[in-house]
PDB file of N, CA and C in Angstrom:
ATOM      1  N   MET A   1      15.693   4.813 -16.295  1.00  0.00           N
ATOM      2  CA  MET A   1      15.223   3.457 -15.476  1.00  0.00           C
ATOM      3  C   MET A   1      14.119   2.739 -16.223  1.00  0.00           C
ATOM      4  N   ASN A   2      14.240   1.410 -16.157  1.00  0.00           N
ATOM      5  CA  ASN A   2      13.112   0.813 -16.837  1.00  0.00           C
ATOM      6  C   ASN A   2      12.184   0.311 -15.814  1.00  0.00           C
ATOM      7  N   LEU A   3      11.168  -0.467 -16.269  1.00  0.00           N
ATOM      8  CA  LEU A   3       9.987  -0.785 -15.390  1.00  0.00           C
ATOM      9  C   LEU A   3      10.389  -1.652 -14.324  1.00  0.00           C
ATOM     10  N   GLN A   4      11.412  -2.597 -14.508  1.00  0.00           N
ATOM     11  CA  GLN A   4      11.748  -3.475 -13.399  1.00  0.00           C
ATOM     12  C   GLN A   4      12.505  -2.794 -12.339  1.00  0.00           C
ATOM     13  N   GLN A   5      13.246  -1.811 -12.643  1.00  0.00           N
ATOM     14  CA  GLN A   5      13.903  -1.013 -11.596  1.00  0.00           C
ATOM     15  C   GLN A   5      12.913  -0.233 -10.715  1.00  0.00           C
ATOM     16  N   TYR A   6      11.838   0.321 -11.447  1.00  0.00           N
ATOM     17  CA  TYR A   6      10.833   0.913 -10.831  1.00  0.00           C
ATOM     18  C   TYR A   6      10.113   0.122  -9.749  1.00  0.00           C
ATOM     19  N   LYS A   7       9.834  -1.155 -10.218  1.00  0.00           N
ATOM     20  CA  LYS A   7       9.193  -2.137  -9.477  1.00  0.00           C
ATOM     21  C   LYS A   7       9.926  -2.481  -8.094  1.00  0.00           C
ATOM     22  N   LYS A   8      11.325  -2.618  -8.326  1.00  0.00           N
ATOM     23  CA  LYS A   8      12.103  -2.834  -7.168  1.00  0.00           C
ATOM     24  C   LYS A   8      12.305  -1.734  -6.105  1.00  0.00           C
ATOM     25  N   ILE A   9      11.915  -0.482  -6.543  1.00  0.00           N
ATOM     26  CA  ILE A   9      11.820   0.678  -5.672  1.00  0.00           C
ATOM     27  C   ILE A   9      10.509   0.763  -5.054  1.00  0.00           C
ATOM     28  N   ILE A  10       9.429   0.691  -5.966  1.00  0.00           N
ATOM     29  CA  ILE A  10       8.044   0.955  -5.436  1.00  0.00           C
ATOM     30  C   ILE A  10       7.453  -0.113  -4.522  1.00  0.00           C
ATOM     31  N   LEU A  11       7.762  -1.430  -4.784  1.00  0.00           N
ATOM     32  CA  LEU A  11       7.179  -2.486  -3.922  1.00  0.00           C
ATOM     33  C   LEU A  11       7.694  -2.442  -2.541  1.00  0.00           C
ATOM     34  N   PRO A  12       8.947  -2.158  -2.155  1.00  0.00           N
ATOM     35  CA  PRO A  12       9.211  -1.987  -0.813  1.00  0.00           C
ATOM     36  C   PRO A  12       8.471  -0.722  -0.136  1.00  0.00           C
ATOM     37  N   LEU A  13       8.391   0.268  -0.880  1.00  0.00           N
ATOM     38  CA  LEU A  13       7.728   1.435  -0.336  1.00  0.00           C
ATOM     39  C   LEU A  13       6.294   1.235  -0.077  1.00  0.00           C
ATOM     40  N   LEU A  14       5.590   0.336  -1.000  1.00  0.00           N
ATOM     41  CA  LEU A  14       4.313  -0.098  -0.838  1.00  0.00           C
ATOM     42  C   LEU A  14       4.062  -0.851   0.342  1.00  0.00           C
ATOM     43  N   ALA A  15       5.112  -1.872   0.504  1.00  0.00           N
ATOM     44  CA  ALA A  15       5.101  -2.689   1.745  1.00  0.00           C
ATOM     45  C   ALA A  15       5.244  -1.743   3.180  1.00  0.00           C
ATOM     46  N   ILE A  16       5.995  -0.780   3.067  1.00  0.00           N
ATOM     47  CA  ILE A  16       6.315   0.156   4.277  1.00  0.00           C
ATOM     48  C   ILE A  16       4.932   0.819   4.475  1.00  0.00           C
ATOM     49  N   LEU A  17       4.354   1.395   3.428  1.00  0.00           N
ATOM     50  CA  LEU A  17       3.030   2.142   3.639  1.00  0.00           C
ATOM     51  C   LEU A  17       1.992   1.209   4.140  1.00  0.00           C
ATOM     52  N   PHE A  18       1.956  -0.013   3.601  1.00  0.00           N
ATOM     53  CA  PHE A  18       0.967  -0.972   4.091  1.00  0.00           C
ATOM     54  C   PHE A  18       1.053  -1.349   5.538  1.00  0.00           C
ATOM     55  N   ILE A  19       2.362  -1.488   6.053  1.00  0.00           N
ATOM     56  CA  ILE A  19       2.510  -1.884   7.415  1.00  0.00           C
ATOM     57  C   ILE A  19       2.034  -0.648   8.292  1.00  0.00           C
ATOM     58  N   ILE A  20       2.484   0.602   8.003  1.00  0.00           N
ATOM     59  CA  ILE A  20       2.126   1.821   8.704  1.00  0.00           C
ATOM     60  C   ILE A  20       0.577   1.988   8.714  1.00  0.00           C
ATOM     61  N   SER A  21       0.037   1.694   7.615  1.00  0.00           N
ATOM     62  CA  SER A  21      -1.567   1.870   7.440  1.00  0.00           C
ATOM     63  C   SER A  21      -2.192   0.849   8.257  1.00  0.00           C
ATOM     64  N   PHE A  22      -1.623  -0.439   8.210  1.00  0.00           N
ATOM     65  CA  PHE A  22      -2.238  -1.465   8.997  1.00  0.00           C
ATOM     66  C   PHE A  22      -2.200  -1.115  10.667  1.00  0.00           C
ATOM     67  N   TYR A  23      -1.078  -0.592  10.987  1.00  0.00           N
ATOM     68  CA  TYR A  23      -0.930  -0.127  12.407  1.00  0.00           C
ATOM     69  C   TYR A  23      -2.088   0.964  12.698  1.00  0.00           C
ATOM     70  N   PHE A  24      -2.161   1.958  11.878  1.00  0.00           N
ATOM     71  CA  PHE A  24      -3.347   2.979  12.067  1.00  0.00           C
ATOM     72  C   PHE A  24      -4.621   2.419  11.966  1.00  0.00           C
ATOM     73  N   PHE A  25      -4.805   1.414  11.341  1.00  0.00           N
ATOM     74  CA  PHE A  25      -6.067   0.703  11.159  1.00  0.00           C
ATOM     75  C   PHE A  25      -6.732   0.345  12.472  1.00  0.00           C
ATOM     76  N   PHE A  26      -5.699  -0.255  13.345  1.00  0.00           N
ATOM     77  CA  PHE A  26      -6.179  -0.524  14.680  1.00  0.00           C
ATOM     78  C   PHE A  26      -6.148   0.543  15.804  1.00  0.00           C
ATOM     79  N   THR A  27      -5.560   1.601  15.474  1.00  0.00           N
ATOM     80  CA  THR A  27      -5.331   2.764  16.458  1.00  0.00           C
ATOM     81  C   THR A  27      -6.254   3.943  16.172  1.00  0.00           C
ATOM     82  N   LEU A  28      -6.689   4.050  15.050  1.00  0.00           N
ATOM     83  CA  LEU A  28      -7.426   5.329  14.716  1.00  0.00           C
ATOM     84  C   LEU A  28      -8.799   5.173  15.285  1.00  0.00           C
ATOM     85  N   THR A  29      -9.426   6.375  15.773  1.00  0.00           N
ATOM     86  CA  THR A  29     -10.751   6.203  16.297  1.00  0.00           C
ATOM     87  C   THR A  29     -11.743   7.232  15.397  1.00  0.00           C
ATOM     88  N   ASP A  30     -11.136   8.093  14.672  1.00  0.00           N
ATOM     89  CA  ASP A  30     -11.814   9.073  13.982  1.00  0.00           C
ATOM     90  C   ASP A  30     -12.391   8.341  12.641  1.00  0.00           C
ATOM     91  N   PRO A  31     -13.640   8.305  12.329  1.00  0.00           N
ATOM     92  CA  PRO A  31     -14.299   7.558  11.273  1.00  0.00           C
ATOM     93  C   PRO A  31     -13.707   7.927   9.973  1.00  0.00           C
ATOM     94  N   ILE A  32     -13.491   9.215   9.712  1.00  0.00           N
ATOM     95  CA  ILE A  32     -13.113   9.726   8.350  1.00  0.00           C
ATOM     96  C   ILE A  32     -11.625   9.254   8.132  1.00  0.00           C
ATOM     97  N   LEU A  33     -10.827   9.390   9.155  1.00  0.00           N
ATOM     98  CA  LEU A  33      -9.420   8.917   8.932  1.00  0.00           C
ATOM     99  C   LEU A  33      -9.457   7.451   8.918  1.00  0.00           C
ATOM    100  N   PHE A  34     -10.187   6.690   9.564  1.00  0.00           N
ATOM    101  CA  PHE A  34     -10.340   5.236   9.332  1.00  0.00           C
ATOM    102  C   PHE A  34     -10.651   4.815   7.924  1.00  0.00           C
ATOM    103  N   TRP A  35     -11.640   5.449   7.369  1.00  0.00           N
ATOM    104  CA  TRP A  35     -11.956   5.077   6.077  1.00  0.00           C
ATOM    105  C   TRP A  35     -10.867   5.481   4.924  1.00  0.00           C
ATOM    106  N   ILE A  36     -10.237   6.508   5.297  1.00  0.00           N
ATOM    107  CA  ILE A  36      -9.070   6.925   4.401  1.00  0.00           C
ATOM    108  C   ILE A  36      -7.931   5.930   4.513  1.00  0.00           C
ATOM    109  N   ASP A  37      -7.653   5.490   5.763  1.00  0.00           N
ATOM    110  CA  ASP A  37      -6.748   4.341   6.021  1.00  0.00           C
ATOM    111  C   ASP A  37      -7.172   2.997   5.220  1.00  0.00           C
ATOM    112  N   VAL A  38      -8.479   2.739   5.310  1.00  0.00           N
ATOM    113  CA  VAL A  38      -8.867   1.636   4.640  1.00  0.00           C
ATOM    114  C   VAL A  38      -8.702   1.674   3.031  1.00  0.00           C
ATOM    115  N   ALA A  39      -8.798   2.852   2.590  1.00  0.00           N
ATOM    116  CA  ALA A  39      -8.657   3.040   1.097  1.00  0.00           C
ATOM    117  C   ALA A  39      -7.087   2.966   0.773  1.00  0.00           C
ATOM    118  N   VAL A  40      -6.201   3.487   1.681  1.00  0.00           N
ATOM    119  CA  VAL A  40      -4.784   3.369   1.316  1.00  0.00           C
ATOM    120  C   VAL A  40      -4.532   1.903   1.499  1.00  0.00           C
ATOM    121  N   ILE A  41      -4.924   1.146   2.352  1.00  0.00           N
ATOM    122  CA  ILE A  41      -4.712  -0.348   2.458  1.00  0.00           C
ATOM    123  C   ILE A  41      -5.060  -1.017   1.182  1.00  0.00           C
ATOM    124  N   ALA A  42      -6.294  -0.753   0.759  1.00  0.00           N
ATOM    125  CA  ALA A  42      -6.804  -1.232  -0.445  1.00  0.00           C
ATOM    126  C   ALA A  42      -6.038  -0.937  -1.697  1.00  0.00           C
ATOM    127  N   CYS A  43      -5.485   0.317  -1.746  1.00  0.00           N
ATOM    128  CA  CYS A  43      -4.659   0.772  -2.849  1.00  0.00           C
ATOM    129  C   CYS A  43      -3.431   0.048  -2.821  1.00  0.00           C
ATOM    130  N   CYS A  44      -2.702  -0.078  -1.648  1.00  0.00           N
ATOM    131  CA  CYS A  44      -1.507  -0.841  -1.528  1.00  0.00           C
ATOM    132  C   CYS A  44      -1.612  -2.350  -1.966  1.00  0.00           C
ATOM    133  N   ILE A  45      -2.630  -2.963  -1.628  1.00  0.00           N
ATOM    134  CA  ILE A  45      -2.945  -4.278  -2.132  1.00  0.00           C
ATOM    135  C   ILE A  45      -3.185  -4.434  -3.564  1.00  0.00           C
ATOM    136  N   PHE A  46      -4.006  -3.469  -4.121  1.00  0.00           N
ATOM    137  CA  PHE A  46      -4.161  -3.422  -5.611  1.00  0.00           C
ATOM    138  C   PHE A  46      -2.913  -3.302  -6.430  1.00  0.00           C
ATOM    139  N   LEU A  47      -2.154  -2.210  -5.995  1.00  0.00           N
ATOM    140  CA  LEU A  47      -0.931  -1.972  -6.708  1.00  0.00           C
ATOM    141  C   LEU A  47       0.066  -3.007  -6.632  1.00  0.00           C
ATOM    142  N   GLY A  48       0.143  -3.548  -5.381  1.00  0.00           N
ATOM    143  CA  GLY A  48       1.196  -4.672  -5.227  1.00  0.00           C
ATOM    144  C   GLY A  48       0.862  -5.928  -6.081  1.00  0.00           C
ATOM    145  N   ARG A  49      -0.453  -6.238  -6.164  1.00  0.00           N
ATOM    146  CA  ARG A  49      -0.815  -7.350  -6.896  1.00  0.00           C
ATOM    147  C   ARG A  49      -0.553  -7.070  -8.384  1.00  0.00           C
ATOM    148  N   LYS A  50      -0.898  -5.843  -8.750  1.00  0.00           N
ATOM    149  CA  LYS A  50      -0.682  -5.376 -10.214  1.00  0.00           C
ATOM    150  C   LYS A  50       0.829  -5.474 -10.603  1.00  0.00           C
ATOM    151  N   PHE A  51       1.642  -4.941  -9.765  1.00  0.00           N
ATOM    152  CA  PHE A  51       3.143  -5.095  -9.974  1.00  0.00           C
ATOM    153  C   PHE A  51       3.732  -6.436 -10.034  1.00  0.00           C
ATOM    154  N   LEU A  52       3.135  -7.249  -9.188  1.00  0.00           N
ATOM    155  CA  LEU A  52       3.687  -8.646  -9.038  1.00  0.00           C
ATOM    156  C   LEU A  52       3.043  -9.597 -10.093  1.00  0.00           C
ATOM    157  N   LYS A  53       2.005  -9.101 -10.787  1.00  0.00           N
ATOM    158  CA  LYS A  53       1.471  -9.958 -11.770  1.00  0.00           C
ATOM    159  C   LYS A  53       2.363 -10.126 -12.961  1.00  0.00           C
ATOM    160  N   LYS A  54       2.536 -11.430 -13.343  1.00  0.00           N
ATOM    161  CA  LYS A  54       3.402 -11.737 -14.448  1.00  0.00           C
ATOM    162  C   LYS A  54       2.656 -11.482 -15.820  1.00  0.00           C
ATOM    163  N   ASP A  55       3.276 -10.698 -16.682  1.00  0.00           N
ATOM    164  CA  ASP A  55       2.775 -10.486 -17.939  1.00  0.00           C
ATOM    165  C   ASP A  55       3.161 -11.498 -18.939  1.00  0.00           C
TER     166      ASP A  55
END
């Protein structure tokens, strides 16, 4: 598989993970889990921007 095929697989998975994390962002009350969730959201945004960036 080349990089373009990986991007087609990874980007939807990142979007699903982002949506699930965004849901937990509003429902979690434990501070440690909240900050882990914030880190996951930031990672999804960073990787999504990196994969969508045109080289």
